[in-house]
Amino acid sequence: MMIKDNKMKKRNLKTALGLIIFIVFLFIFTLYNIGVFDRPL
């Protein structure tokens, strides 16, 4: 088993935050493309 240290924990948190931000960005981008928000680019 791998021993988890603080550096690994911080890296995992950064990766998780990055993924969440990326998913939210994709979600909003998709809604804009579908036309849920009726706003011209």
PDB file of N, CA and C in Angstrom:
ATOM      1  N   MET A   1       0.845  -1.202   0.000  1.00  0.00           N
ATOM      2  CA  MET A   1       0.000   0.000   0.000  1.00  0.00           C
ATOM      3  C   MET A   1       0.884   1.257   0.000  1.00  0.00           C
ATOM      4  N   MET A   2       0.409   2.260  -0.689  1.00  0.00           N
ATOM      5  CA  MET A   2       1.163   3.513  -0.747  1.00  0.00           C
ATOM      6  C   MET A   2       0.922   4.342   0.508  1.00  0.00           C
ATOM      7  N   ILE A   3       1.962   4.951   0.990  1.00  0.00           N
ATOM      8  CA  ILE A   3       1.824   5.853   2.145  1.00  0.00           C
ATOM      9  C   ILE A   3       1.461   7.236   1.616  1.00  0.00           C
ATOM     10  N   LYS A   4       0.316   7.731   2.068  1.00  0.00           N
ATOM     11  CA  LYS A   4      -0.132   9.052   1.607  1.00  0.00           C
ATOM     12  C   LYS A   4       0.484  10.139   2.483  1.00  0.00           C
ATOM     13  N   ASP A   5       1.132  11.091   1.822  1.00  0.00           N
ATOM     14  CA  ASP A   5       1.705  12.222   2.558  1.00  0.00           C
ATOM     15  C   ASP A   5       0.948  13.491   2.173  1.00  0.00           C
ATOM     16  N   ASN A   6       1.355  14.589   2.792  1.00  0.00           N
ATOM     17  CA  ASN A   6       0.642  15.844   2.553  1.00  0.00           C
ATOM     18  C   ASN A   6       0.736  16.301   1.108  1.00  0.00           C
ATOM     19  N   LYS A   7       1.871  16.066   0.462  1.00  0.00           N
ATOM     20  CA  LYS A   7       2.047  16.516  -0.918  1.00  0.00           C
ATOM     21  C   LYS A   7       1.030  15.830  -1.838  1.00  0.00           C
ATOM     22  N   MET A   8       0.846  14.529  -1.635  1.00  0.00           N
ATOM     23  CA  MET A   8      -0.106  13.777  -2.451  1.00  0.00           C
ATOM     24  C   MET A   8      -1.527  14.289  -2.217  1.00  0.00           C
ATOM     25  N   LYS A   9      -1.848  14.575  -0.965  1.00  0.00           N
ATOM     26  CA  LYS A   9      -3.191  15.043  -0.635  1.00  0.00           C
ATOM     27  C   LYS A   9      -3.468  16.383  -1.321  1.00  0.00           C
ATOM     28  N   LYS A  10      -2.472  17.279  -1.276  1.00  0.00           N
ATOM     29  CA  LYS A  10      -2.642  18.586  -1.919  1.00  0.00           C
ATOM     30  C   LYS A  10      -2.806  18.424  -3.428  1.00  0.00           C
ATOM     31  N   ARG A  11      -2.026  17.512  -4.009  1.00  0.00           N
ATOM     32  CA  ARG A  11      -2.109  17.292  -5.452  1.00  0.00           C
ATOM     33  C   ARG A  11      -3.491  16.748  -5.824  1.00  0.00           C
ATOM     34  N   ASN A  12      -3.994  15.831  -5.010  1.00  0.00           N
ATOM     35  CA  ASN A  12      -5.323  15.277  -5.276  1.00  0.00           C
ATOM     36  C   ASN A  12      -6.391  16.354  -5.183  1.00  0.00           C
ATOM     37  N   LEU A  13      -6.261  17.239  -4.201  1.00  0.00           N
ATOM     38  CA  LEU A  13      -7.238  18.325  -4.054  1.00  0.00           C
ATOM     39  C   LEU A  13      -7.200  19.245  -5.268  1.00  0.00           C
ATOM     40  N   LYS A  14      -5.997  19.577  -5.724  1.00  0.00           N
ATOM     41  CA  LYS A  14      -5.872  20.442  -6.904  1.00  0.00           C
ATOM     42  C   LYS A  14      -6.489  19.777  -8.128  1.00  0.00           C
ATOM     43  N   THR A  15      -6.239  18.493  -8.291  1.00  0.00           N
ATOM     44  CA  THR A  15      -6.794  17.772  -9.443  1.00  0.00           C
ATOM     45  C   THR A  15      -8.320  17.757  -9.369  1.00  0.00           C
ATOM     46  N   ALA A  16      -8.851  17.494  -8.188  1.00  0.00           N
ATOM     47  CA  ALA A  16     -10.311  17.447  -8.008  1.00  0.00           C
ATOM     48  C   ALA A  16     -10.918  18.815  -8.308  1.00  0.00           C
ATOM     49  N   LEU A  17     -10.306  19.870  -7.796  1.00  0.00           N
ATOM     50  CA  LEU A  17     -10.828  21.217  -8.045  1.00  0.00           C
ATOM     51  C   LEU A  17     -10.771  21.543  -9.536  1.00  0.00           C
ATOM     52  N   GLY A  18      -9.672  21.186 -10.176  1.00  0.00           N
ATOM     53  CA  GLY A  18      -9.548  21.435 -11.601  1.00  0.00           C
ATOM     54  C   GLY A  18     -10.626  20.716 -12.397  1.00  0.00           C
ATOM     55  N   LEU A  19     -10.875  19.466 -12.047  1.00  0.00           N
ATOM     56  CA  LEU A  19     -11.903  18.684 -12.741  1.00  0.00           C
ATOM     57  C   LEU A  19     -13.283  19.296 -12.545  1.00  0.00           C
ATOM     58  N   ILE A  20     -13.582  19.717 -11.315  1.00  0.00           N
ATOM     59  CA  ILE A  20     -14.906  20.298 -11.025  1.00  0.00           C
ATOM     60  C   ILE A  20     -15.091  21.587 -11.827  1.00  0.00           C
ATOM     61  N   ILE A  21     -14.049  22.428 -11.841  1.00  0.00           N
ATOM     62  CA  ILE A  21     -14.140  23.688 -12.591  1.00  0.00           C
ATOM     63  C   ILE A  21     -14.323  23.395 -14.076  1.00  0.00           C
ATOM     64  N   PHE A  22     -13.585  22.401 -14.575  1.00  0.00           N
ATOM     65  CA  PHE A  22     -13.680  22.044 -15.986  1.00  0.00           C
ATOM     66  C   PHE A  22     -15.076  21.538 -16.337  1.00  0.00           C
ATOM     67  N   ILE A  23     -15.658  20.696 -15.465  1.00  0.00           N
ATOM     68  CA  ILE A  23     -16.993  20.144 -15.706  1.00  0.00           C
ATOM     69  C   ILE A  23     -18.033  21.259 -15.696  1.00  0.00           C
ATOM     70  N   VAL A  24     -17.923  22.187 -14.730  1.00  0.00           N
ATOM     71  CA  VAL A  24     -18.872  23.311 -14.669  1.00  0.00           C
ATOM     72  C   VAL A  24     -18.754  24.168 -15.923  1.00  0.00           C
ATOM     73  N   PHE A  25     -17.509  24.405 -16.362  1.00  0.00           N
ATOM     74  CA  PHE A  25     -17.290  25.193 -17.582  1.00  0.00           C
ATOM     75  C   PHE A  25     -17.939  24.516 -18.782  1.00  0.00           C
ATOM     76  N   LEU A  26     -17.738  23.208 -18.922  1.00  0.00           N
ATOM     77  CA  LEU A  26     -18.340  22.471 -20.040  1.00  0.00           C
ATOM     78  C   LEU A  26     -19.860  22.540 -19.976  1.00  0.00           C
ATOM     79  N   PHE A  27     -20.417  22.409 -18.775  1.00  0.00           N
ATOM     80  CA  PHE A  27     -21.868  22.445 -18.581  1.00  0.00           C
ATOM     81  C   PHE A  27     -22.438  23.787 -19.034  1.00  0.00           C
ATOM     82  N   ILE A  28     -21.810  24.880 -18.578  1.00  0.00           N
ATOM     83  CA  ILE A  28     -22.293  26.219 -18.944  1.00  0.00           C
ATOM     84  C   ILE A  28     -22.122  26.449 -20.445  1.00  0.00           C
ATOM     85  N   PHE A  29     -20.971  26.018 -20.994  1.00  0.00           N
ATOM     86  CA  PHE A  29     -20.702  26.176 -22.425  1.00  0.00           C
ATOM     87  C   PHE A  29     -21.761  25.439 -23.246  1.00  0.00           C
ATOM     88  N   THR A  30     -22.124  24.230 -22.810  1.00  0.00           N
ATOM     89  CA  THR A  30     -23.148  23.446 -23.512  1.00  0.00           C
ATOM     90  C   THR A  30     -24.494  24.153 -23.455  1.00  0.00           C
ATOM     91  N   LEU A  31     -24.851  24.684 -22.290  1.00  0.00           N
ATOM     92  CA  LEU A  31     -26.135  25.395 -22.163  1.00  0.00           C
ATOM     93  C   LEU A  31     -26.159  26.607 -23.092  1.00  0.00           C
ATOM     94  N   TYR A  32     -25.033  27.337 -23.172  1.00  0.00           N
ATOM     95  CA  TYR A  32     -24.973  28.485 -24.075  1.00  0.00           C
ATOM     96  C   TYR A  32     -25.161  28.039 -25.523  1.00  0.00           C
ATOM     97  N   ASN A  33     -24.525  26.920 -25.897  1.00  0.00           N
ATOM     98  CA  ASN A  33     -24.625  26.440 -27.280  1.00  0.00           C
ATOM     99  C   ASN A  33     -26.044  25.994 -27.607  1.00  0.00           C
ATOM    100  N   ILE A  34     -26.712  25.341 -26.649  1.00  0.00           N
ATOM    101  CA  ILE A  34     -28.084  24.876 -26.886  1.00  0.00           C
ATOM    102  C   ILE A  34     -29.003  26.085 -27.042  1.00  0.00           C
ATOM    103  N   GLY A  35     -28.734  27.136 -26.285  1.00  0.00           N
ATOM    104  CA  GLY A  35     -29.561  28.341 -26.377  1.00  0.00           C
ATOM    105  C   GLY A  35     -30.467  28.504 -25.171  1.00  0.00           C
ATOM    106  N   VAL A  36     -30.101  27.901 -24.045  1.00  0.00           N
ATOM    107  CA  VAL A  36     -30.899  28.076 -22.826  1.00  0.00           C
ATOM    108  C   VAL A  36     -30.829  29.539 -22.399  1.00  0.00           C
ATOM    109  N   PHE A  37     -29.616  30.089 -22.424  1.00  0.00           N
ATOM    110  CA  PHE A  37     -29.439  31.502 -22.169  1.00  0.00           C
ATOM    111  C   PHE A  37     -29.474  32.196 -23.530  1.00  0.00           C
ATOM    112  N   ASP A  38     -30.535  32.919 -23.814  1.00  0.00           N
ATOM    113  CA  ASP A  38     -30.696  33.529 -25.132  1.00  0.00           C
ATOM    114  C   ASP A  38     -29.863  34.798 -25.196  1.00  0.00           C
ATOM    115  N   ARG A  39     -28.572  34.621 -25.507  1.00  0.00           N
ATOM    116  CA  ARG A  39     -27.647  35.755 -25.513  1.00  0.00           C
ATOM    117  C   ARG A  39     -26.713  35.626 -26.706  1.00  0.00           C
ATOM    118  N   PRO A  40     -26.658  36.623 -27.539  1.00  0.00           N
ATOM    119  CA  PRO A  40     -25.757  36.551 -28.694  1.00  0.00           C
ATOM    120  C   PRO A  40     -24.310  36.643 -28.263  1.00  0.00           C
ATOM    121  N   LEU A  41     -23.463  35.855 -28.930  1.00  0.00           N
ATOM    122  CA  LEU A  41     -22.030  35.874 -28.588  1.00  0.00           C
ATOM    123  C   LEU A  41     -21.354  37.063 -29.272  1.00  0.00           C
TER     124      LEU A  41
END
